[in-house]
C-alpha atoms as a PDB file:
ATOM      1  CA  MET A   1       0.043   9.938  -9.239  1.00  0.00           C
ATOM      2  CA  PRO A   2      -1.395  10.488  -5.413  1.00  0.00           C
ATOM      3  CA  SER A   3       1.280   9.044  -2.564  1.00  0.00           C
ATOM      4  CA  LEU A   4      -0.463   6.596   0.039  1.00  0.00           C
ATOM      5  CA  GLN A   5       1.325   9.244   2.760  1.00  0.00           C
ATOM      6  CA  PHE A   6      -0.001   8.293   6.120  1.00  0.00           C
ATOM      7  CA  ALA A   7       0.933   9.162   9.892  1.00  0.00           C
ATOM      8  CA  LEU A   8       1.449   5.782  11.390  1.00  0.00           C
ATOM      9  CA  PRO A   9       4.124   3.952  13.303  1.00  0.00           C
ATOM     10  CA  LYS A  10       6.797   2.750  10.870  1.00  0.00           C
ATOM     11  CA  ILE A  11       5.417   3.908   7.760  1.00  0.00           C
ATOM     12  CA  HIS A  12       7.573   5.791   5.409  1.00  0.00           C
ATOM     13  CA  LEU A  13       6.248   5.989   1.538  1.00  0.00           C
ATOM     14  CA  LEU A  14       8.443   7.632  -0.782  1.00  0.00           C
ATOM     15  CA  PRO A  15       7.026   8.741  -4.067  1.00  0.00           C
ATOM     16  CA  PHE A  16       7.403   6.829  -7.234  1.00  0.00           C
ATOM     17  CA  SER A  17       6.902   7.447 -10.894  1.00  0.00           C
ATOM     18  CA  TYR A  18       4.295   5.496 -12.439  1.00  0.00           C
ATOM     19  CA  ASN A  19       5.452   4.149 -15.537  1.00  0.00           C
ATOM     20  CA  THR A  20       4.548   1.835 -18.487  1.00  0.00           C
ATOM     21  CA  GLN A  21       6.269  -0.791 -17.305  1.00  0.00           C
ATOM     22  CA  THR A  22       3.910  -0.571 -13.802  1.00  0.00           C
ATOM     23  CA  GLN A  23       0.746   0.153 -15.747  1.00  0.00           C
ATOM     24  CA  ASN A  24       1.584  -3.338 -17.923  1.00  0.00           C
ATOM     25  CA  LEU A  25       2.244  -5.381 -14.248  1.00  0.00           C
ATOM     26  CA  TYR A  26      -0.949  -3.707 -12.976  1.00  0.00           C
ATOM     27  CA  SER A  27      -2.820  -5.380 -16.246  1.00  0.00           C
ATOM     28  CA  ALA A  28      -1.552  -8.550 -15.506  1.00  0.00           C
ATOM     29  CA  ALA A  29      -2.570  -8.311 -12.041  1.00  0.00           C
ATOM     30  CA  THR A  30      -5.879  -7.701 -12.566  1.00  0.00           C
ATOM     31  CA  PRO A  31      -8.284  -9.972 -13.978  1.00  0.00           C
ATOM     32  CA  ARG A  32     -10.679  -8.833 -16.862  1.00  0.00           C
ATOM     33  CA  CYS A  33     -14.263  -8.632 -16.088  1.00  0.00           C
ATOM     34  CA  ARG A  34     -16.607  -8.970 -19.287  1.00  0.00           C
ATOM     35  CA  ILE A  35     -19.337  -6.888 -18.616  1.00  0.00           C
ATOM     36  CA  SER A  36     -22.273  -5.228 -20.737  1.00  0.00           C
ATOM     37  CA  SER A  37     -21.955  -2.515 -22.989  1.00  0.00           C
ATOM     38  CA  THR A  38     -23.495   0.436 -22.082  1.00  0.00           C
ATOM     39  CA  SER A  39     -24.829   3.130 -24.336  1.00  0.00           C
ATOM     40  CA  PRO A  40     -22.961   6.412 -24.915  1.00  0.00           C
ATOM     41  CA  ARG A  41     -26.023   8.312 -22.889  1.00  0.00           C
ATOM     42  CA  HIS A  42     -23.799   6.763 -19.538  1.00  0.00           C
ATOM     43  CA  SER A  43     -20.534   8.314 -20.748  1.00  0.00           C
ATOM     44  CA  SER A  44     -21.188  11.398 -18.813  1.00  0.00           C
ATOM     45  CA  LEU A  45     -22.800  12.581 -15.566  1.00  0.00           C
ATOM     46  CA  ALA A  46     -25.154  14.808 -17.495  1.00  0.00           C
ATOM     47  CA  SER A  47     -26.919  11.734 -19.129  1.00  0.00           C
ATOM     48  CA  VAL A  48     -28.488  10.882 -15.846  1.00  0.00           C
ATOM     49  CA  ALA A  49     -30.729  13.533 -15.132  1.00  0.00           C
ATOM     50  CA  PRO A  50     -33.050  14.097 -13.549  1.00  0.00           C
ATOM     51  CA  LEU A  51     -30.973  12.447 -11.049  1.00  0.00           C
ATOM     52  CA  GLU A  52     -32.728  10.359  -8.157  1.00  0.00           C
ATOM     53  CA  ALA A  53     -29.846   8.232  -6.234  1.00  0.00           C
ATOM     54  CA  ILE A  54     -25.945   8.326  -5.854  1.00  0.00           C
ATOM     55  CA  LEU A  55     -24.093   5.201  -4.895  1.00  0.00           C
ATOM     56  CA  PHE A  56     -21.069   5.403  -2.810  1.00  0.00           C
ATOM     57  CA  ASP A  57     -17.914   3.159  -2.626  1.00  0.00           C
ATOM     58  CA  ILE A  58     -16.597   3.348   0.946  1.00  0.00           C
ATOM     59  CA  ASP A  59     -13.158   2.628   1.077  1.00  0.00           C
ATOM     60  CA  GLY A  60     -11.319   5.361  -0.571  1.00  0.00           C
ATOM     61  CA  THR A  61     -14.094   7.148  -0.953  1.00  0.00           C
ATOM     62  CA  LEU A  62     -15.586   8.516   1.412  1.00  0.00           C
ATOM     63  CA  VAL A  63     -12.626   7.944   3.941  1.00  0.00           C
ATOM     64  CA  ASP A  64      -9.129   7.890   2.417  1.00  0.00           C
ATOM     65  CA  SER A  65      -8.020   4.510   3.873  1.00  0.00           C
ATOM     66  CA  ASP A  66      -5.650   2.823   1.303  1.00  0.00           C
ATOM     67  CA  PRO A  67      -3.123   4.268   3.321  1.00  0.00           C
ATOM     68  CA  ILE A  68      -3.978   2.071   6.616  1.00  0.00           C
ATOM     69  CA  HIS A  69      -4.858  -0.948   4.098  1.00  0.00           C
ATOM     70  CA  TYR A  70      -1.445  -0.627   2.656  1.00  0.00           C
ATOM     71  CA  TYR A  71       0.159  -0.653   6.515  1.00  0.00           C
ATOM     72  CA  ALA A  72      -1.532  -3.399   7.752  1.00  0.00           C
ATOM     73  CA  PHE A  73      -1.021  -5.424   4.915  1.00  0.00           C
ATOM     74  CA  ARG A  74       2.716  -4.678   4.724  1.00  0.00           C
ATOM     75  CA  GLU A  75       2.943  -5.417   8.466  1.00  0.00           C
ATOM     76  CA  MET A  76       1.419  -8.846   8.004  1.00  0.00           C
ATOM     77  CA  LEU A  77       2.817  -9.884   4.975  1.00  0.00           C
ATOM     78  CA  GLN A  78       6.441  -9.678   6.284  1.00  0.00           C
ATOM     79  CA  GLU A  79       5.454 -11.209   9.325  1.00  0.00           C
ATOM     80  CA  VAL A  80       4.524 -14.517   7.206  1.00  0.00           C
ATOM     81  CA  GLY A  81       7.450 -13.808   5.152  1.00  0.00           C
ATOM     82  CA  PHE A  82       5.913 -12.995   1.836  1.00  0.00           C
ATOM     83  CA  HIS A  83       8.372 -12.703  -0.625  1.00  0.00           C
ATOM     84  CA  GLY A  84      11.076 -13.547   1.716  1.00  0.00           C
ATOM     85  CA  GLY A  85      10.084 -11.153   4.335  1.00  0.00           C
ATOM     86  CA  ALA A  86      10.562  -7.869   2.304  1.00  0.00           C
ATOM     87  CA  PRO A  87       8.298  -5.388   3.135  1.00  0.00           C
ATOM     88  CA  ILE A  88       5.639  -4.619  -0.183  1.00  0.00           C
ATOM     89  CA  THR A  89       5.993  -1.822  -2.092  1.00  0.00           C
ATOM     90  CA  GLU A  90       3.486   0.890  -2.664  1.00  0.00           C
ATOM     91  CA  GLU A  91       3.652  -0.033  -6.322  1.00  0.00           C
ATOM     92  CA  PHE A  92       2.936  -3.938  -5.152  1.00  0.00           C
ATOM     93  CA  PHE A  93      -0.112  -2.500  -3.119  1.00  0.00           C
ATOM     94  CA  ILE A  94      -1.945  -0.930  -5.840  1.00  0.00           C
ATOM     95  CA  ASN A  95      -1.299  -3.040  -8.495  1.00  0.00           C
ATOM     96  CA  SER A  96      -1.874  -6.338  -7.131  1.00  0.00           C
ATOM     97  CA  ILE A  97      -3.805  -5.450  -3.729  1.00  0.00           C
ATOM     98  CA  SER A  98      -5.758  -2.202  -3.821  1.00  0.00           C
ATOM     99  CA  GLY A  99      -9.504  -2.728  -4.838  1.00  0.00           C
ATOM    100  CA  LYS A 100      -9.660  -6.993  -4.571  1.00  0.00           C
ATOM    101  CA  HIS A 101     -11.841  -8.958  -2.434  1.00  0.00           C
ATOM    102  CA  ASN A 102     -10.180 -11.116  -0.046  1.00  0.00           C
ATOM    103  CA  VAL A 103     -11.160 -13.977  -1.772  1.00  0.00           C
ATOM    104  CA  GLU A 104      -9.651 -13.289  -5.069  1.00  0.00           C
ATOM    105  CA  LEU A 105      -6.401 -12.087  -3.140  1.00  0.00           C
ATOM    106  CA  ARG A 106      -6.287 -15.224  -1.290  1.00  0.00           C
ATOM    107  CA  HIS A 107      -5.314 -16.621  -4.726  1.00  0.00           C
ATOM    108  CA  VAL A 108      -3.362 -13.687  -5.639  1.00  0.00           C
ATOM    109  CA  LEU A 109      -0.997 -13.939  -2.154  1.00  0.00           C
ATOM    110  CA  PHE A 110      -1.218 -17.496  -1.234  1.00  0.00           C
ATOM    111  CA  PRO A 111      -1.780 -19.881  -4.093  1.00  0.00           C
ATOM    112  CA  ASP A 112      -0.337 -22.356  -2.065  1.00  0.00           C
ATOM    113  CA  TRP A 113      -1.891 -21.677   1.308  1.00  0.00           C
ATOM    114  CA  ASP A 114      -5.056 -23.867   2.545  1.00  0.00           C
ATOM    115  CA  VAL A 115      -8.390 -22.106   2.813  1.00  0.00           C
ATOM    116  CA  GLU A 116      -8.450 -21.977   6.471  1.00  0.00           C
ATOM    117  CA  ARG A 117      -4.749 -20.472   6.878  1.00  0.00           C
ATOM    118  CA  ALA A 118      -5.921 -17.438   4.395  1.00  0.00           C
ATOM    119  CA  VAL A 119      -8.769 -16.928   6.021  1.00  0.00           C
ATOM    120  CA  LYS A 120      -7.465 -16.384   9.309  1.00  0.00           C
ATOM    121  CA  PHE A 121      -5.057 -14.181   7.887  1.00  0.00           C
ATOM    122  CA  PHE A 122      -7.258 -11.943   6.091  1.00  0.00           C
ATOM    123  CA  ASP A 123      -9.584 -12.006   9.054  1.00  0.00           C
ATOM    124  CA  ASP A 124      -6.612 -10.768  11.312  1.00  0.00           C
ATOM    125  CA  LYS A 125      -5.337  -7.929   8.591  1.00  0.00           C
ATOM    126  CA  GLU A 126      -8.960  -6.491   8.888  1.00  0.00           C
ATOM    127  CA  ALA A 127      -9.187  -7.006  12.621  1.00  0.00           C
ATOM    128  CA  MET A 128      -6.063  -4.701  12.399  1.00  0.00           C
ATOM    129  CA  PHE A 129      -7.422  -2.415  10.001  1.00  0.00           C
ATOM    130  CA  ARG A 130     -10.501  -1.456  12.439  1.00  0.00           C
ATOM    131  CA  ARG A 131      -8.224  -0.909  15.268  1.00  0.00           C
ATOM    132  CA  LEU A 132      -5.945   1.523  13.262  1.00  0.00           C
ATOM    133  CA  ALA A 133      -9.145   2.948  11.631  1.00  0.00           C
ATOM    134  CA  ALA A 134     -10.953   3.698  14.576  1.00  0.00           C
ATOM    135  CA  GLU A 135      -8.061   6.247  15.667  1.00  0.00           C
ATOM    136  CA  GLU A 136      -6.744   7.548  12.338  1.00  0.00           C
ATOM    137  CA  MET A 137      -9.752   7.669   9.908  1.00  0.00           C
ATOM    138  CA  LYS A 138     -10.741  10.845   8.532  1.00  0.00           C
ATOM    139  CA  PRO A 139     -13.025  11.896   5.531  1.00  0.00           C
ATOM    140  CA  VAL A 140     -12.202  12.438   1.926  1.00  0.00           C
ATOM    141  CA  ALA A 141     -12.124  16.130   1.489  1.00  0.00           C
ATOM    142  CA  GLY A 142     -15.251  18.064   0.708  1.00  0.00           C
ATOM    143  CA  LEU A 143     -17.525  15.109   1.897  1.00  0.00           C
ATOM    144  CA  GLU A 144     -19.471  17.112   4.385  1.00  0.00           C
ATOM    145  CA  LYS A 145     -20.640  19.490   1.355  1.00  0.00           C
ATOM    146  CA  LEU A 146     -21.518  16.600  -0.942  1.00  0.00           C
ATOM    147  CA  ILE A 147     -23.627  14.898   1.912  1.00  0.00           C
ATOM    148  CA  LYS A 148     -25.779  17.922   2.444  1.00  0.00           C
ATOM    149  CA  TRP A 149     -26.132  18.614  -1.061  1.00  0.00           C
ATOM    150  CA  VAL A 150     -27.158  14.965  -1.388  1.00  0.00           C
ATOM    151  CA  GLU A 151     -29.834  15.520   1.195  1.00  0.00           C
ATOM    152  CA  ASP A 152     -31.066  18.827   0.324  1.00  0.00           C
ATOM    153  CA  ASN A 153     -31.732  17.656  -3.270  1.00  0.00           C
ATOM    154  CA  GLY A 154     -33.374  14.655  -1.648  1.00  0.00           C
ATOM    155  CA  LEU A 155     -31.712  11.914  -3.521  1.00  0.00           C
ATOM    156  CA  ARG A 156     -31.702   8.163  -2.600  1.00  0.00           C
ATOM    157  CA  ARG A 157     -28.210   6.867  -1.486  1.00  0.00           C
ATOM    158  CA  ALA A 158     -26.581   3.498  -1.186  1.00  0.00           C
ATOM    159  CA  ALA A 159     -23.160   2.636  -0.003  1.00  0.00           C
ATOM    160  CA  VAL A 160     -21.698  -0.547  -2.151  1.00  0.00           C
ATOM    161  CA  THR A 161     -18.511  -2.154  -1.149  1.00  0.00           C
ATOM    162  CA  ASN A 162     -16.295  -5.156  -1.387  1.00  0.00           C
ATOM    163  CA  ALA A 163     -15.340  -4.423   1.938  1.00  0.00           C
ATOM    164  CA  PRO A 164     -16.363  -6.835   4.908  1.00  0.00           C
ATOM    165  CA  ARG A 165     -19.639  -5.862   6.604  1.00  0.00           C
ATOM    166  CA  SER A 166     -17.333  -5.079   9.946  1.00  0.00           C
ATOM    167  CA  ASN A 167     -15.036  -3.146   7.969  1.00  0.00           C
ATOM    168  CA  ALA A 168     -18.200  -1.036   6.211  1.00  0.00           C
ATOM    169  CA  ASP A 169     -19.902  -0.498   9.595  1.00  0.00           C
ATOM    170  CA  LEU A 170     -17.111   0.994  11.435  1.00  0.00           C
ATOM    171  CA  LEU A 171     -16.091   3.179   8.457  1.00  0.00           C
ATOM    172  CA  ILE A 172     -20.080   4.660   7.883  1.00  0.00           C
ATOM    173  CA  SER A 173     -20.638   5.090  12.090  1.00  0.00           C
ATOM    174  CA  ILE A 174     -17.071   6.883  12.278  1.00  0.00           C
ATOM    175  CA  LEU A 175     -18.192   9.044   9.799  1.00  0.00           C
ATOM    176  CA  GLY A 176     -21.638   9.455  11.691  1.00  0.00           C
ATOM    177  CA  LEU A 177     -23.556   8.257   8.501  1.00  0.00           C
ATOM    178  CA  GLU A 178     -25.600   5.520   9.445  1.00  0.00           C
ATOM    179  CA  SER A 179     -28.682   7.251   8.999  1.00  0.00           C
ATOM    180  CA  PHE A 180     -27.548   8.778   5.515  1.00  0.00           C
ATOM    181  CA  PHE A 181     -27.150   5.297   3.692  1.00  0.00           C
ATOM    182  CA  GLU A 182     -30.715   3.746   3.278  1.00  0.00           C
ATOM    183  CA  PHE A 183     -28.547   0.236   2.071  1.00  0.00           C
ATOM    184  CA  VAL A 184     -25.387  -1.034   2.744  1.00  0.00           C
ATOM    185  CA  ILE A 185     -24.365  -3.538  -0.154  1.00  0.00           C
ATOM    186  CA  ILE A 186     -21.593  -6.124   0.814  1.00  0.00           C
ATOM    187  CA  GLY A 187     -20.011  -7.427  -2.365  1.00  0.00           C
ATOM    188  CA  SER A 188     -19.505 -11.075  -0.632  1.00  0.00           C
ATOM    189  CA  GLU A 189     -23.167 -10.982  -0.046  1.00  0.00           C
ATOM    190  CA  CYS A 190     -23.757 -10.756  -3.582  1.00  0.00           C
ATOM    191  CA  ASN A 191     -23.643 -13.536  -6.357  1.00  0.00           C
ATOM    192  CA  ARG A 192     -20.205 -12.105  -7.368  1.00  0.00           C
ATOM    193  CA  VAL A 193     -18.361  -8.900  -6.120  1.00  0.00           C
ATOM    194  CA  LYS A 194     -16.721  -6.103  -7.969  1.00  0.00           C
ATOM    195  CA  PRO A 195     -15.458  -5.662 -10.492  1.00  0.00           C
ATOM    196  CA  PHE A 196     -18.670  -7.822 -11.726  1.00  0.00           C
ATOM    197  CA  PRO A 197     -21.708  -5.384 -11.427  1.00  0.00           C
ATOM    198  CA  ASP A 198     -23.740  -7.423  -9.007  1.00  0.00           C
ATOM    199  CA  PRO A 199     -23.130  -5.556  -6.161  1.00  0.00           C
ATOM    200  CA  TYR A 200     -24.343  -2.284  -8.009  1.00  0.00           C
ATOM    201  CA  LEU A 201     -27.540  -3.603  -9.783  1.00  0.00           C
ATOM    202  CA  LYS A 202     -28.410  -5.064  -6.265  1.00  0.00           C
ATOM    203  CA  ALA A 203     -28.366  -1.487  -4.897  1.00  0.00           C
ATOM    204  CA  LEU A 204     -30.492  -0.103  -7.903  1.00  0.00           C
ATOM    205  CA  GLU A 205     -32.759  -2.960  -7.188  1.00  0.00           C
ATOM    206  CA  GLU A 206     -32.959  -2.044  -3.379  1.00  0.00           C
ATOM    207  CA  LEU A 207     -33.529   1.394  -4.065  1.00  0.00           C
ATOM    208  CA  GLY A 208     -36.140   0.786  -6.865  1.00  0.00           C
ATOM    209  CA  ILE A 209     -34.121   3.150  -9.074  1.00  0.00           C
ATOM    210  CA  SER A 210     -33.258   2.779 -12.532  1.00  0.00           C
ATOM    211  CA  SER A 211     -29.348   3.016 -13.791  1.00  0.00           C
ATOM    212  CA  GLU A 212     -30.665   5.686 -16.325  1.00  0.00           C
ATOM    213  CA  HIS A 213     -31.452   8.418 -13.017  1.00  0.00           C
ATOM    214  CA  ALA A 214     -28.454   7.394 -10.829  1.00  0.00           C
ATOM    215  CA  PHE A 215     -24.273   7.498 -10.514  1.00  0.00           C
ATOM    216  CA  VAL A 216     -21.536   6.132  -8.603  1.00  0.00           C
ATOM    217  CA  PHE A 217     -18.722   7.373  -7.195  1.00  0.00           C
ATOM    218  CA  GLU A 218     -15.952   5.230  -6.956  1.00  0.00           C
ATOM    219  CA  ASP A 219     -11.904   4.950  -6.268  1.00  0.00           C
ATOM    220  CA  SER A 220     -10.691   1.572  -7.650  1.00  0.00           C
ATOM    221  CA  VAL A 221     -10.538   0.267 -11.077  1.00  0.00           C
ATOM    222  CA  SER A 222     -12.580  -3.066 -10.050  1.00  0.00           C
ATOM    223  CA  GLY A 223     -15.357  -0.540  -8.420  1.00  0.00           C
ATOM    224  CA  ILE A 224     -15.600   1.787 -11.748  1.00  0.00           C
ATOM    225  CA  LYS A 225     -15.830  -1.577 -13.686  1.00  0.00           C
ATOM    226  CA  ALA A 226     -18.857  -2.767 -11.570  1.00  0.00           C
ATOM    227  CA  GLY A 227     -20.420   0.709 -11.757  1.00  0.00           C
ATOM    228  CA  VAL A 228     -20.173   0.998 -15.706  1.00  0.00           C
ATOM    229  CA  GLY A 229     -20.828  -2.608 -16.010  1.00  0.00           C
ATOM    230  CA  ALA A 230     -24.413  -1.686 -14.081  1.00  0.00           C
ATOM    231  CA  GLY A 231     -24.991   1.055 -16.338  1.00  0.00           C
ATOM    232  CA  MET A 232     -24.125   3.979 -14.555  1.00  0.00           C
ATOM    233  CA  PRO A 233     -21.422   7.035 -15.302  1.00  0.00           C
ATOM    234  CA  VAL A 234     -18.997   6.433 -12.105  1.00  0.00           C
ATOM    235  CA  VAL A 235     -17.167   9.886 -10.819  1.00  0.00           C
ATOM    236  CA  GLY A 236     -13.382   8.386  -9.758  1.00  0.00           C
ATOM    237  CA  LEU A 237     -11.676   9.422  -6.983  1.00  0.00           C
ATOM    238  CA  ALA A 238      -7.788   9.573  -7.115  1.00  0.00           C
ATOM    239  CA  THR A 239      -7.240   9.346  -3.725  1.00  0.00           C
ATOM    240  CA  GLY A 240      -5.127   5.992  -4.140  1.00  0.00           C
ATOM    241  CA  ASN A 241      -4.952   5.036  -7.695  1.00  0.00           C
ATOM    242  CA  PRO A 242      -3.455   6.913 -10.632  1.00  0.00           C
ATOM    243  CA  GLU A 243      -5.845   8.988 -12.809  1.00  0.00           C
ATOM    244  CA  ARG A 244      -4.953   7.546 -16.295  1.00  0.00           C
ATOM    245  CA  LEU A 245      -6.093   4.075 -14.624  1.00  0.00           C
ATOM    246  CA  LEU A 246      -9.364   5.170 -13.279  1.00  0.00           C
ATOM    247  CA  SER A 247     -10.041   7.201 -16.838  1.00  0.00           C
ATOM    248  CA  GLU A 248      -9.103   4.035 -18.733  1.00  0.00           C
ATOM    249  CA  ALA A 249     -11.176   2.043 -16.684  1.00  0.00           C
ATOM    250  CA  GLY A 250     -14.154   4.036 -17.500  1.00  0.00           C
ATOM    251  CA  ALA A 251     -14.683   7.054 -15.213  1.00  0.00           C
ATOM    252  CA  ALA A 252     -16.571   9.530 -16.706  1.00  0.00           C
ATOM    253  CA  MET A 253     -14.623  12.335 -14.623  1.00  0.00           C
ATOM    254  CA  VAL A 254     -11.602  11.933 -12.494  1.00  0.00           C
ATOM    255  CA  ILE A 255     -11.536  14.266  -9.372  1.00  0.00           C
ATOM    256  CA  LYS A 256      -8.931  14.651  -6.513  1.00  0.00           C
ATOM    257  CA  ASP A 257     -11.983  14.923  -3.845  1.00  0.00           C
ATOM    258  CA  TYR A 258     -15.049  16.352  -3.409  1.00  0.00           C
ATOM    259  CA  THR A 259     -14.187  20.413  -3.394  1.00  0.00           C
ATOM    260  CA  GLU A 260     -13.405  20.170  -6.672  1.00  0.00           C
ATOM    261  CA  ALA A 261     -14.938  22.626  -9.146  1.00  0.00           C
ATOM    262  CA  LYS A 262     -15.605  20.719 -11.892  1.00  0.00           C
ATOM    263  CA  LEU A 263     -17.559  17.824 -10.107  1.00  0.00           C
ATOM    264  CA  TRP A 264     -19.695  20.975  -8.440  1.00  0.00           C
ATOM    265  CA  ALA A 265     -20.004  22.676 -12.119  1.00  0.00           C
ATOM    266  CA  VAL A 266     -21.540  19.387 -13.333  1.00  0.00           C
ATOM    267  CA  LEU A 267     -23.828  18.501  -9.871  1.00  0.00           C
ATOM    268  CA  ASP A 268     -24.877  22.539 -10.142  1.00  0.00           C
ATOM    269  CA  GLY A 269     -26.417  21.559 -13.586  1.00  0.00           C
ATOM    270  CA  LEU A 270     -27.660  18.435 -12.883  1.00  0.00           C
ATOM    271  CA  GLU A 271     -29.587  20.109  -9.644  1.00  0.00           C
ATOM    272  CA  LYS A 272     -31.680  22.319 -12.018  1.00  0.00           C
ATOM    273  CA  LYS A 273     -32.820  18.958 -13.671  1.00  0.00           C
ATOM    274  CA  THR A 274     -33.609  16.981 -10.787  1.00  0.00           C
ATOM    275  CA  ARG A 275     -36.960  15.561  -9.624  1.00  0.00           C
ATOM    276  CA  PRO A 276     -36.499  14.807  -5.436  1.00  0.00           C
ATOM    277  CA  ALA A 277     -37.418  10.956  -4.942  1.00  0.00           C
ATOM    278  CA  LYS A 278     -38.310  10.208  -0.761  1.00  0.00           C
ATOM    279  CA  VAL A 279     -35.676   8.993   1.284  1.00  0.00           C
ATOM    280  CA  GLY A 280     -36.486   6.211   3.761  1.00  0.00           C
ATOM    281  CA  THR A 281     -34.848   5.602   6.663  1.00  0.00           C
ATOM    282  CA  GLN A 282     -34.439   1.758   7.324  1.00  0.00           C
ATOM    283  CA  LEU A 283     -30.766   1.011   7.000  1.00  0.00           C
ATOM    284  CA  SER A 284     -30.548  -2.844   5.087  1.00  0.00           C
ATOM    285  CA  GLY A 285     -27.913  -4.947   3.753  1.00  0.00           C
END
């Protein structure tokens, strides 16, 4: 599985084997989300032709940010004495934290804390993440090529994330994609966050695009469930989570990054069937 190796002070992550026991722990820690069933046509990217829009998660999808999130959580949880002050492991981060919204994590990590104390912890953690991200963040390999392909084909696009808006705005700014996304949809500004489909349904509504002509790039189990629940095929990026988990969550394809030949073979096929859609210029949320 991918390792969260990252060049930050104090970080030294050792590779570990993702076994059946770890899978069971993950399943127990991940809430089940009831989503509407989708027809077989949504099981592959070829089903969306003609393609009109692509929706992107941000963390782990545009940028490999999980190592920074892991570092911030590890340092701050140790400071507050979580689990007796022992540093959290990479397994724990992937199983219990990655891809979840902070409101959900409040119940997972601090069930006995009052709301005010928990909210301050997460606010401080996100501030730490932003400080580190401003110095260390890099795009997922091949993103620049994909962005150009999207623009050349006149496709609509939106970013859809469970991250706080301040984080989303920072990462999009670091990547220089402020004018690329027509809309930035924040999970907490919808009725329900991922793994529910609401954020992706809102993105489709804002774009005025049917789920039959769009697909999603996502890196987490909760995000994949949300995209599938909204009626779209999802390409999973194994930047921080095991390929098997992403496939089991419903990903139509799993890739390491945007340089993979199998992705471009499908995109080239879609390009031949795509009718361009006019792209707006106003950024909205």
